[in-house]
Amino acid sequence: MDKTVMLVLIKSRKDTAGKVQSILTAWGCHIRTRLGLHGGTLDQCTDDGLLFLELVGPADRHEEMARKLNLLPGVRAELVRLSVAD
């Protein structure tokens, strides 16, 4: 069994969330699961965040999505590929 996930660290959500969302929407067919995490609530909401994406499809598409996200200032995307032998 193989799984590919992408972790995306966002430094300034208020400044970059729209651009990140646009990229994720364009690559939506390659995202099986998306989980967004950030600290705080209501008026104490933090401006940084972490996205966890479970990806499907060809590896070259995952790499291209990560490359596009990494072009954004204050955004860092890393691919993680995990496998377990049968």
N, C-alpha and C. Protein backbone atom coordinates (compact mmCIF):
# COMPACT_ATOMS: atom_id res chain seq x y z
N MET A 1 0.84 -1.18 0.00
CA MET A 1 0.00 0.00 0.00
C MET A 1 0.89 1.24 0.00
N ASP A 2 0.57 2.18 -0.88
CA ASP A 2 1.30 3.44 -0.99
C ASP A 2 0.36 4.60 -0.75
N LYS A 3 0.86 5.62 -0.10
CA LYS A 3 0.10 6.86 0.14
C LYS A 3 1.03 8.05 -0.12
N THR A 4 0.46 9.09 -0.68
CA THR A 4 1.18 10.34 -0.85
C THR A 4 0.39 11.43 -0.15
N VAL A 5 1.08 12.17 0.71
CA VAL A 5 0.46 13.30 1.37
C VAL A 5 1.33 14.54 1.13
N MET A 6 0.70 15.67 1.22
CA MET A 6 1.42 16.93 1.11
C MET A 6 1.12 17.74 2.36
N LEU A 7 2.15 18.27 2.97
CA LEU A 7 2.00 19.19 4.09
C LEU A 7 2.30 20.58 3.58
N VAL A 8 1.42 21.51 3.88
CA VAL A 8 1.58 22.89 3.41
C VAL A 8 1.54 23.81 4.62
N LEU A 9 2.64 24.48 4.88
CA LEU A 9 2.73 25.44 5.97
C LEU A 9 2.53 26.83 5.39
N ILE A 10 1.60 27.58 5.98
CA ILE A 10 1.26 28.91 5.49
C ILE A 10 1.57 29.92 6.59
N LYS A 11 2.45 30.86 6.28
CA LYS A 11 2.91 31.83 7.28
C LYS A 11 1.86 32.91 7.54
N SER A 12 1.27 33.44 6.51
CA SER A 12 0.32 34.55 6.66
C SER A 12 -0.97 34.22 5.92
N ARG A 13 -1.89 33.54 6.60
CA ARG A 13 -3.12 33.07 5.96
C ARG A 13 -3.92 34.21 5.34
N LYS A 14 -3.98 35.35 6.00
CA LYS A 14 -4.78 36.47 5.50
C LYS A 14 -4.26 36.96 4.15
N ASP A 15 -2.94 36.91 3.97
CA ASP A 15 -2.34 37.40 2.73
C ASP A 15 -2.33 36.36 1.62
N THR A 16 -2.24 35.08 1.96
CA THR A 16 -2.02 34.06 0.94
C THR A 16 -3.15 33.05 0.76
N ALA A 17 -4.14 33.06 1.64
CA ALA A 17 -5.20 32.04 1.60
C ALA A 17 -5.91 31.99 0.24
N GLY A 18 -6.20 33.13 -0.33
CA GLY A 18 -6.88 33.16 -1.63
C GLY A 18 -6.05 32.53 -2.74
N LYS A 19 -4.76 32.81 -2.74
CA LYS A 19 -3.87 32.25 -3.76
C LYS A 19 -3.69 30.75 -3.57
N VAL A 20 -3.55 30.32 -2.31
CA VAL A 20 -3.44 28.89 -2.02
C VAL A 20 -4.72 28.19 -2.44
N GLN A 21 -5.87 28.76 -2.10
CA GLN A 21 -7.16 28.17 -2.45
C GLN A 21 -7.30 28.03 -3.96
N SER A 22 -6.86 29.02 -4.70
CA SER A 22 -6.95 28.98 -6.15
C SER A 22 -6.16 27.79 -6.72
N ILE A 23 -4.97 27.58 -6.20
CA ILE A 23 -4.14 26.45 -6.66
C ILE A 23 -4.80 25.13 -6.28
N LEU A 24 -5.30 25.03 -5.04
CA LEU A 24 -5.93 23.78 -4.60
C LEU A 24 -7.19 23.48 -5.42
N THR A 25 -7.94 24.51 -5.78
CA THR A 25 -9.13 24.31 -6.60
C THR A 25 -8.75 23.78 -7.98
N ALA A 26 -7.69 24.34 -8.56
CA ALA A 26 -7.24 23.89 -9.88
C ALA A 26 -6.78 22.44 -9.86
N TRP A 27 -6.27 21.97 -8.72
CA TRP A 27 -5.74 20.61 -8.60
C TRP A 27 -6.67 19.73 -7.77
N GLY A 28 -7.92 20.15 -7.62
CA GLY A 28 -8.87 19.47 -6.75
C GLY A 28 -9.10 18.00 -7.04
N CYS A 29 -9.01 17.59 -8.30
CA CYS A 29 -9.23 16.18 -8.63
C CYS A 29 -8.10 15.28 -8.11
N HIS A 30 -7.00 15.86 -7.68
CA HIS A 30 -5.87 15.09 -7.15
C HIS A 30 -5.85 15.08 -5.62
N ILE A 31 -6.84 15.73 -5.00
CA ILE A 31 -6.90 15.82 -3.54
C ILE A 31 -8.05 14.95 -3.04
N ARG A 32 -7.73 13.89 -2.32
CA ARG A 32 -8.77 13.01 -1.76
C ARG A 32 -9.24 13.56 -0.40
N THR A 33 -8.29 13.98 0.43
CA THR A 33 -8.61 14.48 1.77
C THR A 33 -7.87 15.78 2.00
N ARG A 34 -8.57 16.72 2.63
CA ARG A 34 -7.94 18.01 2.96
C ARG A 34 -8.31 18.37 4.39
N LEU A 35 -7.30 18.67 5.18
CA LEU A 35 -7.51 19.07 6.56
C LEU A 35 -6.71 20.33 6.81
N GLY A 36 -7.38 21.39 7.25
CA GLY A 36 -6.72 22.64 7.56
C GLY A 36 -6.68 22.87 9.05
N LEU A 37 -5.51 23.21 9.57
CA LEU A 37 -5.33 23.43 11.00
C LEU A 37 -4.73 24.81 11.24
N HIS A 38 -5.28 25.51 12.22
CA HIS A 38 -4.66 26.74 12.69
C HIS A 38 -5.09 26.95 14.12
N GLY A 39 -4.27 27.64 14.87
CA GLY A 39 -4.54 27.84 16.29
C GLY A 39 -5.51 28.97 16.55
N GLY A 40 -6.13 28.92 17.68
CA GLY A 40 -7.01 30.00 18.11
C GLY A 40 -8.41 29.90 17.55
N THR A 41 -9.28 30.75 18.07
CA THR A 41 -10.66 30.83 17.62
C THR A 41 -11.14 32.27 17.70
N LEU A 42 -12.14 32.56 16.95
CA LEU A 42 -12.79 33.87 16.93
C LEU A 42 -11.79 35.01 16.88
N ASP A 43 -11.74 35.88 17.89
CA ASP A 43 -10.86 37.05 17.85
C ASP A 43 -9.41 36.72 18.19
N GLN A 44 -9.10 35.48 18.53
CA GLN A 44 -7.73 35.09 18.84
C GLN A 44 -7.18 34.13 17.79
N CYS A 45 -7.70 34.20 16.59
CA CYS A 45 -7.30 33.32 15.50
C CYS A 45 -5.87 33.64 15.05
N THR A 46 -5.04 32.62 14.91
CA THR A 46 -3.67 32.84 14.46
C THR A 46 -3.63 33.06 12.96
N ASP A 47 -2.58 33.67 12.49
CA ASP A 47 -2.44 33.99 11.07
C ASP A 47 -1.60 32.96 10.33
N ASP A 48 -1.14 31.91 11.01
CA ASP A 48 -0.41 30.86 10.31
C ASP A 48 -1.27 29.60 10.31
N GLY A 49 -0.96 28.68 9.42
CA GLY A 49 -1.76 27.47 9.35
C GLY A 49 -1.01 26.33 8.70
N LEU A 50 -1.59 25.15 8.82
CA LEU A 50 -1.03 23.94 8.25
C LEU A 50 -2.13 23.20 7.52
N LEU A 51 -1.86 22.81 6.29
CA LEU A 51 -2.78 21.98 5.52
C LEU A 51 -2.20 20.59 5.39
N PHE A 52 -3.05 19.60 5.53
CA PHE A 52 -2.69 18.21 5.31
C PHE A 52 -3.53 17.74 4.13
N LEU A 53 -2.88 17.30 3.04
CA LEU A 53 -3.58 16.86 1.85
C LEU A 53 -3.22 15.41 1.55
N GLU A 54 -4.22 14.56 1.41
CA GLU A 54 -3.99 13.20 0.91
C GLU A 54 -4.21 13.26 -0.59
N LEU A 55 -3.20 12.86 -1.36
CA LEU A 55 -3.23 13.02 -2.81
C LEU A 55 -3.46 11.71 -3.53
N VAL A 56 -4.03 11.81 -4.72
CA VAL A 56 -4.21 10.67 -5.62
C VAL A 56 -3.72 11.08 -7.00
N GLY A 57 -3.46 10.08 -7.85
CA GLY A 57 -3.04 10.37 -9.21
C GLY A 57 -1.53 10.27 -9.38
N PRO A 58 -1.04 10.69 -10.54
CA PRO A 58 0.39 10.54 -10.87
C PRO A 58 1.30 11.44 -10.04
N ALA A 59 2.47 10.92 -9.71
CA ALA A 59 3.44 11.65 -8.89
C ALA A 59 3.87 12.96 -9.52
N ASP A 60 3.98 13.01 -10.85
CA ASP A 60 4.43 14.25 -11.49
C ASP A 60 3.42 15.38 -11.28
N ARG A 61 2.14 15.06 -11.14
CA ARG A 61 1.12 16.07 -10.88
C ARG A 61 1.25 16.59 -9.44
N HIS A 62 1.57 15.71 -8.51
CA HIS A 62 1.78 16.11 -7.12
C HIS A 62 2.97 17.06 -7.04
N GLU A 63 4.04 16.72 -7.74
CA GLU A 63 5.24 17.55 -7.72
C GLU A 63 4.98 18.93 -8.31
N GLU A 64 4.17 18.98 -9.36
CA GLU A 64 3.84 20.26 -9.98
C GLU A 64 2.99 21.12 -9.05
N MET A 65 2.04 20.51 -8.35
CA MET A 65 1.22 21.26 -7.39
C MET A 65 2.11 21.82 -6.28
N ALA A 66 3.03 21.01 -5.76
CA ALA A 66 3.94 21.48 -4.72
C ALA A 66 4.81 22.62 -5.24
N ARG A 67 5.28 22.50 -6.47
CA ARG A 67 6.12 23.56 -7.06
C ARG A 67 5.35 24.87 -7.13
N LYS A 68 4.09 24.81 -7.56
CA LYS A 68 3.27 26.03 -7.67
C LYS A 68 3.02 26.65 -6.30
N LEU A 69 2.73 25.82 -5.31
CA LEU A 69 2.52 26.34 -3.96
C LEU A 69 3.79 26.97 -3.41
N ASN A 70 4.93 26.36 -3.67
CA ASN A 70 6.21 26.88 -3.16
C ASN A 70 6.64 28.18 -3.82
N LEU A 71 6.01 28.56 -4.92
CA LEU A 71 6.29 29.85 -5.55
C LEU A 71 5.66 31.01 -4.77
N LEU A 72 4.67 30.71 -3.94
CA LEU A 72 3.99 31.76 -3.17
C LEU A 72 4.84 32.16 -1.97
N PRO A 73 5.01 33.46 -1.73
CA PRO A 73 5.75 33.90 -0.55
C PRO A 73 5.03 33.47 0.73
N GLY A 74 5.78 32.96 1.69
CA GLY A 74 5.21 32.56 2.96
C GLY A 74 4.52 31.21 2.95
N VAL A 75 4.73 30.43 1.88
CA VAL A 75 4.12 29.10 1.77
C VAL A 75 5.22 28.08 1.53
N ARG A 76 5.15 26.97 2.25
CA ARG A 76 6.11 25.87 2.08
C ARG A 76 5.35 24.56 1.96
N ALA A 77 5.50 23.87 0.85
CA ALA A 77 4.82 22.60 0.61
C ALA A 77 5.85 21.48 0.50
N GLU A 78 5.57 20.38 1.17
CA GLU A 78 6.45 19.20 1.15
C GLU A 78 5.62 17.96 0.85
N LEU A 79 6.11 17.14 -0.06
CA LEU A 79 5.48 15.86 -0.37
C LEU A 79 6.08 14.78 0.51
N VAL A 80 5.22 13.87 0.96
CA VAL A 80 5.66 12.73 1.75
C VAL A 80 5.04 11.49 1.11
N ARG A 81 5.89 10.55 0.73
CA ARG A 81 5.40 9.29 0.17
C ARG A 81 5.69 8.17 1.15
N LEU A 82 4.65 7.45 1.50
CA LEU A 82 4.78 6.35 2.46
C LEU A 82 4.33 5.06 1.82
N SER A 83 5.01 3.98 2.15
CA SER A 83 4.57 2.68 1.66
C SER A 83 4.85 1.63 2.73
N VAL A 84 4.00 0.62 2.70
CA VAL A 84 4.14 -0.51 3.60
C VAL A 84 4.19 -1.77 2.73
N ALA A 85 5.19 -2.58 2.95
CA ALA A 85 5.30 -3.81 2.16
C ALA A 85 4.14 -4.73 2.48
N ASP A 86 3.69 -5.45 1.48
CA ASP A 86 2.58 -6.41 1.67
C ASP A 86 3.00 -7.57 2.53
